[in-house]
C-alpha atoms as a PDB file:
ATOM      1  CA  MET A   1      -0.862  -1.360 -13.343  1.00  0.00           C
ATOM      2  CA  SER A   2       2.952  -2.261 -13.210  1.00  0.00           C
ATOM      3  CA  ASN A   3       3.410  -1.245  -9.922  1.00  0.00           C
ATOM      4  CA  PHE A   4      -0.031   0.326 -10.534  1.00  0.00           C
ATOM      5  CA  ASN A   5       1.114   1.595 -13.900  1.00  0.00           C
ATOM      6  CA  GLU A   6       0.348   3.945 -16.673  1.00  0.00           C
ATOM      7  CA  SER A   7      -0.556   1.375 -19.318  1.00  0.00           C
ATOM      8  CA  ASP A   8      -3.407   0.069 -17.166  1.00  0.00           C
ATOM      9  CA  ILE A   9      -5.002   3.487 -16.854  1.00  0.00           C
ATOM     10  CA  THR A  10      -4.620   3.894 -20.621  1.00  0.00           C
ATOM     11  CA  SER A  11      -6.561   0.663 -21.206  1.00  0.00           C
ATOM     12  CA  VAL A  12      -9.720   2.100 -19.621  1.00  0.00           C
ATOM     13  CA  THR A  13      -9.627   5.699 -20.796  1.00  0.00           C
ATOM     14  CA  ASP A  14     -12.359   5.357 -23.442  1.00  0.00           C
ATOM     15  CA  GLN A  15     -10.399   6.022 -26.615  1.00  0.00           C
ATOM     16  CA  ARG A  16      -8.110   8.664 -25.122  1.00  0.00           C
ATOM     17  CA  THR A  17      -4.725   8.620 -26.786  1.00  0.00           C
ATOM     18  CA  ALA A  18      -1.398   7.914 -25.094  1.00  0.00           C
ATOM     19  CA  VAL A  19      -0.640  11.626 -25.345  1.00  0.00           C
ATOM     20  CA  ASP A  20      -3.900  12.452 -23.520  1.00  0.00           C
ATOM     21  CA  PHE A  21      -2.964   9.912 -20.901  1.00  0.00           C
ATOM     22  CA  PHE A  22       0.461  11.355 -20.235  1.00  0.00           C
ATOM     23  CA  GLN A  23      -0.998  14.826 -19.967  1.00  0.00           C
ATOM     24  CA  GLN A  24      -3.847  13.858 -17.646  1.00  0.00           C
ATOM     25  CA  ASP A  25      -3.568  10.478 -15.910  1.00  0.00           C
ATOM     26  CA  TRP A  26       0.214  10.369 -15.545  1.00  0.00           C
ATOM     27  CA  GLN A  27       0.024  12.810 -12.665  1.00  0.00           C
ATOM     28  CA  ILE A  28      -2.504  10.587 -10.898  1.00  0.00           C
ATOM     29  CA  TYR A  29      -0.086   7.668 -11.196  1.00  0.00           C
ATOM     30  CA  ARG A  30       2.925   9.702 -10.079  1.00  0.00           C
ATOM     31  CA  LYS A  31       1.129  10.985  -6.989  1.00  0.00           C
ATOM     32  CA  MET A  32       0.153   7.429  -6.105  1.00  0.00           C
ATOM     33  CA  VAL A  33       3.742   6.239  -6.280  1.00  0.00           C
ATOM     34  CA  GLU A  34       5.348   9.293  -4.697  1.00  0.00           C
ATOM     35  CA  ASN A  35       2.959   9.118  -1.725  1.00  0.00           C
ATOM     36  CA  ASN A  36       3.268   5.328  -1.479  1.00  0.00           C
ATOM     37  CA  TYR A  37      -0.504   4.936  -1.338  1.00  0.00           C
ATOM     38  CA  LEU A  38      -0.377   1.318  -2.539  1.00  0.00           C
ATOM     39  CA  PHE A  39       2.754   0.457  -0.541  1.00  0.00           C
ATOM     40  CA  HIS A  40       4.946   0.043  -3.610  1.00  0.00           C
ATOM     41  CA  LYS A  41       8.039   0.776  -1.523  1.00  0.00           C
ATOM     42  CA  GLU A  42       7.451  -2.075   0.912  1.00  0.00           C
ATOM     43  CA  ALA A  43       6.334  -4.492  -1.803  1.00  0.00           C
ATOM     44  CA  TYR A  44       9.410  -3.930  -3.932  1.00  0.00           C
ATOM     45  CA  GLU A  45      11.650  -4.173  -0.881  1.00  0.00           C
ATOM     46  CA  GLN A  46      10.105  -7.594  -0.298  1.00  0.00           C
ATOM     47  CA  LEU A  47      10.658  -8.495  -3.948  1.00  0.00           C
ATOM     48  CA  HIS A  48      14.328  -7.563  -3.558  1.00  0.00           C
ATOM     49  CA  LYS A  49      14.665  -9.770  -0.483  1.00  0.00           C
ATOM     50  CA  LEU A  50      12.915 -12.621  -2.280  1.00  0.00           C
ATOM     51  CA  LEU A  51      15.266 -12.435  -5.263  1.00  0.00           C
ATOM     52  CA  VAL A  52      18.336 -12.351  -3.031  1.00  0.00           C
ATOM     53  CA  GLU A  53      17.062 -15.345  -1.053  1.00  0.00           C
ATOM     54  CA  GLU A  54      16.056 -17.417  -4.061  1.00  0.00           C
ATOM     55  CA  PHE A  55      18.882 -16.746  -6.509  1.00  0.00           C
ATOM     56  CA  SER A  56      22.539 -17.131  -5.620  1.00  0.00           C
ATOM     57  CA  ARG A  57      23.130 -17.592  -9.351  1.00  0.00           C
ATOM     58  CA  PRO A  58      22.594 -15.121 -12.219  1.00  0.00           C
ATOM     59  CA  PHE A  59      18.956 -14.924 -13.310  1.00  0.00           C
ATOM     60  CA  SER A  60      16.818 -13.402 -16.049  1.00  0.00           C
ATOM     61  CA  PHE A  61      13.818 -11.268 -15.101  1.00  0.00           C
ATOM     62  CA  LEU A  62      10.599 -10.625 -17.039  1.00  0.00           C
ATOM     63  CA  ASP A  63       8.734  -7.529 -15.820  1.00  0.00           C
ATOM     64  CA  VAL A  64       5.125  -7.831 -16.996  1.00  0.00           C
ATOM     65  CA  ALA A  65       3.321  -4.500 -17.530  1.00  0.00           C
ATOM     66  CA  CYS A  66       6.581  -2.852 -16.547  1.00  0.00           C
ATOM     67  CA  GLY A  67       5.515   0.781 -16.844  1.00  0.00           C
ATOM     68  CA  ASP A  68       8.532   3.025 -16.327  1.00  0.00           C
ATOM     69  CA  ALA A  69      10.362   0.140 -14.561  1.00  0.00           C
ATOM     70  CA  GLY A  70      11.600   2.435 -11.811  1.00  0.00           C
ATOM     71  CA  ALA A  71      10.432   0.336  -8.863  1.00  0.00           C
ATOM     72  CA  ALA A  72      11.637  -2.890 -10.468  1.00  0.00           C
ATOM     73  CA  VAL A  73      15.075  -1.397 -11.026  1.00  0.00           C
ATOM     74  CA  ASP A  74      15.236  -0.497  -7.334  1.00  0.00           C
ATOM     75  CA  ALA A  75      14.317  -4.084  -6.445  1.00  0.00           C
ATOM     76  CA  LEU A  76      16.892  -5.544  -8.824  1.00  0.00           C
ATOM     77  CA  MET A  77      19.816  -3.429  -7.643  1.00  0.00           C
ATOM     78  CA  GLY A  78      22.165  -5.586  -5.590  1.00  0.00           C
ATOM     79  CA  THR A  79      20.787  -8.857  -6.965  1.00  0.00           C
ATOM     80  CA  ARG A  80      22.358 -11.213  -9.510  1.00  0.00           C
ATOM     81  CA  VAL A  81      20.085 -10.153 -12.353  1.00  0.00           C
ATOM     82  CA  ALA A  82      21.796 -10.990 -15.641  1.00  0.00           C
ATOM     83  CA  ARG A  83      19.100  -9.952 -18.122  1.00  0.00           C
ATOM     84  CA  TYR A  84      15.948  -7.853 -17.971  1.00  0.00           C
ATOM     85  CA  PHE A  85      12.871  -8.113 -20.190  1.00  0.00           C
ATOM     86  CA  GLY A  86       9.996  -5.635 -19.963  1.00  0.00           C
ATOM     87  CA  ILE A  87       6.556  -5.640 -21.583  1.00  0.00           C
ATOM     88  CA  ASP A  88       4.168  -2.697 -21.620  1.00  0.00           C
ATOM     89  CA  LEU A  89       1.341  -1.377 -23.761  1.00  0.00           C
ATOM     90  CA  SER A  90       2.641   2.209 -23.724  1.00  0.00           C
ATOM     91  CA  GLN A  91       5.676   3.188 -25.779  1.00  0.00           C
ATOM     92  CA  ASP A  92       5.919   6.406 -23.764  1.00  0.00           C
ATOM     93  CA  ALA A  93       6.259   4.335 -20.608  1.00  0.00           C
ATOM     94  CA  LEU A  94       8.883   2.141 -22.272  1.00  0.00           C
ATOM     95  CA  ASP A  95      10.884   5.225 -23.230  1.00  0.00           C
ATOM     96  CA  LEU A  96      11.026   6.163 -19.548  1.00  0.00           C
ATOM     97  CA  ALA A  97      11.865   2.552 -18.673  1.00  0.00           C
ATOM     98  CA  ALA A  98      14.826   2.623 -21.055  1.00  0.00           C
ATOM     99  CA  GLU A  99      16.238   5.565 -19.106  1.00  0.00           C
ATOM    100  CA  ASN A 100      15.675   3.934 -15.719  1.00  0.00           C
ATOM    101  CA  LEU A 101      17.194   0.642 -16.853  1.00  0.00           C
ATOM    102  CA  THR A 102      20.573   2.260 -17.511  1.00  0.00           C
ATOM    103  CA  ARG A 103      21.133   1.781 -13.769  1.00  0.00           C
ATOM    104  CA  LEU A 104      21.276  -2.003 -14.251  1.00  0.00           C
ATOM    105  CA  ASN A 105      24.524  -3.587 -15.360  1.00  0.00           C
ATOM    106  CA  CYS A 106      22.925  -6.141 -17.660  1.00  0.00           C
ATOM    107  CA  PRO A 107      21.346  -6.433 -21.129  1.00  0.00           C
ATOM    108  CA  THR A 108      17.768  -5.153 -21.312  1.00  0.00           C
ATOM    109  CA  ASP A 109      14.977  -5.800 -23.799  1.00  0.00           C
ATOM    110  CA  LEU A 110      11.726  -3.843 -23.971  1.00  0.00           C
ATOM    111  CA  LYS A 111       8.630  -4.835 -25.935  1.00  0.00           C
ATOM    112  CA  GLU A 112       5.549  -2.752 -26.687  1.00  0.00           C
ATOM    113  CA  ALA A 113       2.642  -5.185 -26.463  1.00  0.00           C
ATOM    114  CA  ASP A 114      -0.478  -6.225 -24.641  1.00  0.00           C
ATOM    115  CA  PHE A 115       1.020  -8.358 -21.904  1.00  0.00           C
ATOM    116  CA  ALA A 116      -1.617 -11.101 -22.042  1.00  0.00           C
ATOM    117  CA  GLU A 117      -0.918 -11.675 -25.729  1.00  0.00           C
ATOM    118  CA  ALA A 118       2.825 -11.375 -25.166  1.00  0.00           C
ATOM    119  CA  LEU A 119       2.804 -14.034 -22.439  1.00  0.00           C
ATOM    120  CA  ARG A 120       0.864 -16.434 -24.659  1.00  0.00           C
ATOM    121  CA  GLU A 121       3.430 -15.964 -27.436  1.00  0.00           C
ATOM    122  CA  TRP A 122       6.554 -15.903 -25.233  1.00  0.00           C
ATOM    123  CA  GLN A 123       9.039 -18.638 -26.112  1.00  0.00           C
ATOM    124  CA  GLN A 124      12.287 -17.756 -24.342  1.00  0.00           C
ATOM    125  CA  PRO A 125      12.754 -19.363 -20.902  1.00  0.00           C
ATOM    126  CA  VAL A 126      13.054 -16.833 -18.079  1.00  0.00           C
ATOM    127  CA  ASP A 127      14.040 -17.428 -14.452  1.00  0.00           C
ATOM    128  CA  VAL A 128      11.658 -14.891 -12.896  1.00  0.00           C
ATOM    129  CA  VAL A 129       8.286 -13.613 -14.090  1.00  0.00           C
ATOM    130  CA  TRP A 130       7.014 -10.650 -12.073  1.00  0.00           C
ATOM    131  CA  ILE A 131       3.561  -9.034 -12.262  1.00  0.00           C
ATOM    132  CA  GLY A 132       2.870  -6.023 -10.063  1.00  0.00           C
ATOM    133  CA  LEU A 133      -0.736  -4.843  -9.767  1.00  0.00           C
ATOM    134  CA  SER A 134      -1.918  -5.899 -13.224  1.00  0.00           C
ATOM    135  CA  LEU A 135      -3.216  -9.473 -12.975  1.00  0.00           C
ATOM    136  CA  HIS A 136      -6.237  -8.399 -10.913  1.00  0.00           C
ATOM    137  CA  HIS A 137      -7.822  -6.818 -13.987  1.00  0.00           C
ATOM    138  CA  PHE A 138      -8.745 -10.305 -15.201  1.00  0.00           C
ATOM    139  CA  GLY A 139     -11.431 -12.745 -14.079  1.00  0.00           C
ATOM    140  CA  GLY A 140     -10.523 -16.021 -12.397  1.00  0.00           C
ATOM    141  CA  ALA A 141     -10.351 -18.117 -15.574  1.00  0.00           C
ATOM    142  CA  GLU A 142      -8.188 -15.546 -17.339  1.00  0.00           C
ATOM    143  CA  LYS A 143      -5.919 -15.206 -14.314  1.00  0.00           C
ATOM    144  CA  LEU A 144      -5.449 -18.962 -14.355  1.00  0.00           C
ATOM    145  CA  GLU A 145      -4.619 -18.974 -18.059  1.00  0.00           C
ATOM    146  CA  LEU A 146      -1.954 -16.293 -17.621  1.00  0.00           C
ATOM    147  CA  MET A 147      -0.517 -17.982 -14.542  1.00  0.00           C
ATOM    148  CA  ARG A 148      -0.200 -21.190 -16.551  1.00  0.00           C
ATOM    149  CA  GLU A 149       1.755 -19.239 -19.155  1.00  0.00           C
ATOM    150  CA  ALA A 150       4.024 -17.932 -16.390  1.00  0.00           C
ATOM    151  CA  ARG A 151       4.507 -21.507 -15.151  1.00  0.00           C
ATOM    152  CA  ARG A 152       5.522 -22.581 -18.660  1.00  0.00           C
ATOM    153  CA  ILE A 153       7.961 -19.692 -19.036  1.00  0.00           C
ATOM    154  CA  VAL A 154       9.785 -20.131 -15.699  1.00  0.00           C
ATOM    155  CA  GLY A 155      10.053 -23.921 -16.050  1.00  0.00           C
ATOM    156  CA  ALA A 156      11.101 -26.274 -13.285  1.00  0.00           C
ATOM    157  CA  ASP A 157      13.609 -24.003 -11.525  1.00  0.00           C
ATOM    158  CA  GLY A 158      12.133 -20.533 -11.931  1.00  0.00           C
ATOM    159  CA  LEU A 159      10.034 -18.197  -9.817  1.00  0.00           C
ATOM    160  CA  PHE A 160       6.731 -16.462 -10.467  1.00  0.00           C
ATOM    161  CA  ALA A 161       5.854 -13.570  -8.153  1.00  0.00           C
ATOM    162  CA  ILE A 162       2.928 -11.155  -7.960  1.00  0.00           C
ATOM    163  CA  TYR A 163       1.824  -8.163  -5.913  1.00  0.00           C
ATOM    164  CA  GLU A 164      -1.932  -8.004  -6.411  1.00  0.00           C
ATOM    165  CA  ASN A 165      -5.317  -7.130  -4.991  1.00  0.00           C
ATOM    166  CA  ALA A 166      -6.174  -9.658  -2.290  1.00  0.00           C
ATOM    167  CA  SER A 167      -8.841 -10.225   0.331  1.00  0.00           C
ATOM    168  CA  PRO A 168      -8.877 -12.119   3.607  1.00  0.00           C
ATOM    169  CA  ASP A 169     -10.636 -15.446   3.216  1.00  0.00           C
ATOM    170  CA  GLY A 170     -14.397 -15.005   3.277  1.00  0.00           C
ATOM    171  CA  GLU A 171     -14.422 -11.439   1.943  1.00  0.00           C
ATOM    172  CA  ASP A 172     -16.293 -10.712  -1.302  1.00  0.00           C
ATOM    173  CA  ARG A 173     -15.465  -8.105  -3.941  1.00  0.00           C
ATOM    174  CA  GLU A 174     -18.048  -5.593  -2.741  1.00  0.00           C
ATOM    175  CA  THR A 175     -16.585  -5.641   0.759  1.00  0.00           C
ATOM    176  CA  TRP A 176     -13.078  -5.234  -0.647  1.00  0.00           C
ATOM    177  CA  LEU A 177     -14.281  -2.219  -2.676  1.00  0.00           C
ATOM    178  CA  ARG A 178     -15.855  -0.663   0.400  1.00  0.00           C
ATOM    179  CA  ARG A 179     -12.548  -1.017   2.204  1.00  0.00           C
ATOM    180  CA  TRP A 180     -10.805   0.546  -0.796  1.00  0.00           C
ATOM    181  CA  ASP A 181     -13.143   3.547  -0.616  1.00  0.00           C
ATOM    182  CA  MET A 182     -12.258   4.054   3.045  1.00  0.00           C
ATOM    183  CA  GLN A 183      -8.796   5.197   1.956  1.00  0.00           C
ATOM    184  CA  GLU A 184     -10.097   8.481   0.532  1.00  0.00           C
ATOM    185  CA  PRO A 185      -9.353  10.642   3.623  1.00  0.00           C
ATOM    186  CA  LEU A 186      -5.747   9.389   3.617  1.00  0.00           C
ATOM    187  CA  TRP A 187      -5.063  10.245  -0.036  1.00  0.00           C
ATOM    188  CA  ARG A 188      -4.555  13.928   0.737  1.00  0.00           C
ATOM    189  CA  ALA A 189      -2.410  14.602  -2.334  1.00  0.00           C
ATOM    190  CA  TYR A 190      -5.372  13.863  -4.604  1.00  0.00           C
ATOM    191  CA  SER A 191      -7.984  16.386  -5.656  1.00  0.00           C
ATOM    192  CA  PRO A 192     -11.604  15.165  -5.521  1.00  0.00           C
ATOM    193  CA  ALA A 193     -11.537  14.754  -9.315  1.00  0.00           C
ATOM    194  CA  GLU A 194      -8.360  12.663  -9.178  1.00  0.00           C
ATOM    195  CA  TRP A 195      -9.738  10.450  -6.417  1.00  0.00           C
ATOM    196  CA  ASN A 196     -12.975   9.954  -8.337  1.00  0.00           C
ATOM    197  CA  ALA A 197     -11.056   9.017 -11.493  1.00  0.00           C
ATOM    198  CA  MET A 198      -9.041   6.437  -9.564  1.00  0.00           C
ATOM    199  CA  ARG A 199     -12.121   5.136  -7.752  1.00  0.00           C
ATOM    200  CA  ALA A 200     -13.973   4.694 -11.044  1.00  0.00           C
ATOM    201  CA  HIS A 201     -11.035   2.763 -12.469  1.00  0.00           C
ATOM    202  CA  VAL A 202     -10.868   0.453  -9.460  1.00  0.00           C
ATOM    203  CA  HIS A 203     -14.614  -0.178  -9.252  1.00  0.00           C
ATOM    204  CA  GLY A 204     -14.766  -0.952 -12.947  1.00  0.00           C
ATOM    205  CA  ASN A 205     -11.617  -3.002 -13.395  1.00  0.00           C
ATOM    206  CA  ASP A 206     -10.266  -4.523 -10.166  1.00  0.00           C
ATOM    207  CA  PHE A 207     -11.108  -8.115  -9.240  1.00  0.00           C
ATOM    208  CA  PRO A 208      -9.303  -9.287  -6.093  1.00  0.00           C
ATOM    209  CA  GLU A 209      -8.861 -12.897  -5.072  1.00  0.00           C
ATOM    210  CA  THR A 210      -8.920 -14.163  -1.504  1.00  0.00           C
ATOM    211  CA  SER A 211      -5.700 -15.429   0.017  1.00  0.00           C
ATOM    212  CA  SER A 212      -6.888 -19.005  -0.462  1.00  0.00           C
ATOM    213  CA  GLY A 213      -7.998 -18.111  -3.966  1.00  0.00           C
ATOM    214  CA  TRP A 214      -4.506 -17.028  -4.982  1.00  0.00           C
ATOM    215  CA  HIS A 215      -3.092 -20.228  -3.490  1.00  0.00           C
ATOM    216  CA  ALA A 216      -5.639 -22.331  -5.366  1.00  0.00           C
ATOM    217  CA  LEU A 217      -4.932 -20.559  -8.659  1.00  0.00           C
ATOM    218  CA  GLY A 218      -1.207 -21.128  -8.162  1.00  0.00           C
ATOM    219  CA  HIS A 219      -1.610 -24.833  -7.553  1.00  0.00           C
ATOM    220  CA  GLU A 220      -4.039 -25.210 -10.468  1.00  0.00           C
ATOM    221  CA  ALA A 221      -1.559 -23.394 -12.707  1.00  0.00           C
ATOM    222  CA  GLY A 222       1.009 -26.072 -11.900  1.00  0.00           C
ATOM    223  CA  PHE A 223       3.019 -24.569  -9.040  1.00  0.00           C
ATOM    224  CA  GLY A 224       3.767 -26.897  -6.153  1.00  0.00           C
ATOM    225  CA  LYS A 225       4.878 -24.221  -3.686  1.00  0.00           C
ATOM    226  CA  VAL A 226       2.839 -21.078  -3.033  1.00  0.00           C
ATOM    227  CA  ARG A 227       3.926 -18.623  -0.363  1.00  0.00           C
ATOM    228  CA  GLU A 228       2.392 -15.395   0.897  1.00  0.00           C
ATOM    229  CA  VAL A 229       5.392 -13.117   1.294  1.00  0.00           C
ATOM    230  CA  TYR A 230       3.873  -9.767   2.286  1.00  0.00           C
ATOM    231  CA  THR A 231       0.528  -8.213   3.233  1.00  0.00           C
ATOM    232  CA  CYS A 232       0.267  -4.427   3.040  1.00  0.00           C
ATOM    233  CA  PRO A 233      -1.004  -2.453   6.069  1.00  0.00           C
ATOM    234  CA  THR A 234      -4.462  -1.890   4.545  1.00  0.00           C
ATOM    235  CA  ASP A 235      -4.763  -5.622   3.729  1.00  0.00           C
ATOM    236  CA  LEU A 236      -5.842  -4.683   0.196  1.00  0.00           C
ATOM    237  CA  PHE A 237      -2.779  -6.147  -1.546  1.00  0.00           C
ATOM    238  CA  ARG A 238      -0.530  -9.141  -0.979  1.00  0.00           C
ATOM    239  CA  LEU A 239       2.700 -10.403  -2.487  1.00  0.00           C
ATOM    240  CA  HIS A 240       2.821 -14.108  -3.355  1.00  0.00           C
ATOM    241  CA  SER A 241       5.612 -16.283  -4.717  1.00  0.00           C
ATOM    242  CA  PHE A 242       5.093 -19.439  -6.760  1.00  0.00           C
ATOM    243  CA  ARG A 243       7.621 -22.184  -7.471  1.00  0.00           C
ATOM    244  CA  ALA A 244       7.424 -25.600  -9.057  1.00  0.00           C
END
């Protein structure tokens, strides 16, 4: 999900078309964002602070699984972003992103693609690679492969940052999923059918790493400095930064 984003729901909708998705699952996504159920607001505020702290010079920004790019645009406002790249599987999402990106005073490039394939093929150096709630759909070996691609793209002076499913050290996936399910009473904007659709997606597709696991993956991918920047109040998601 970018943020948790529309293209990720589309990938598990069992042959439903993008039109079906926008008619049905888009509202689930919008309610999630509008009610801040996954703490997008706080995470992207932390991303903004991180970019201001790390870059006193102009920088390029690659938004992986960008969705409609709205939250990323908020984070980039007031920074020294000089160029924006976005990748997403959904052209409908990219059309919305194009509208949101008019708020940035820099060139923007959007690409319709599977982000894993796009990262493997990416050749242009970028200062920042950002993945928000999308990397957790992969197993450990695949996460590592994609993080190595991010390391290659950002080079010696760039930054890789993620906001992803994370567990305290010692917690297994089943325990994390049980804690996820405990959120149901708080998601009051969701109907039972909407909650069940989201729960099925998470149980079928989300694979968190422990805090130490994310650090280990970062170091194995070639990053010398790994920092935990933010932990959300439910302790289901954490923001990490990675530098050479």
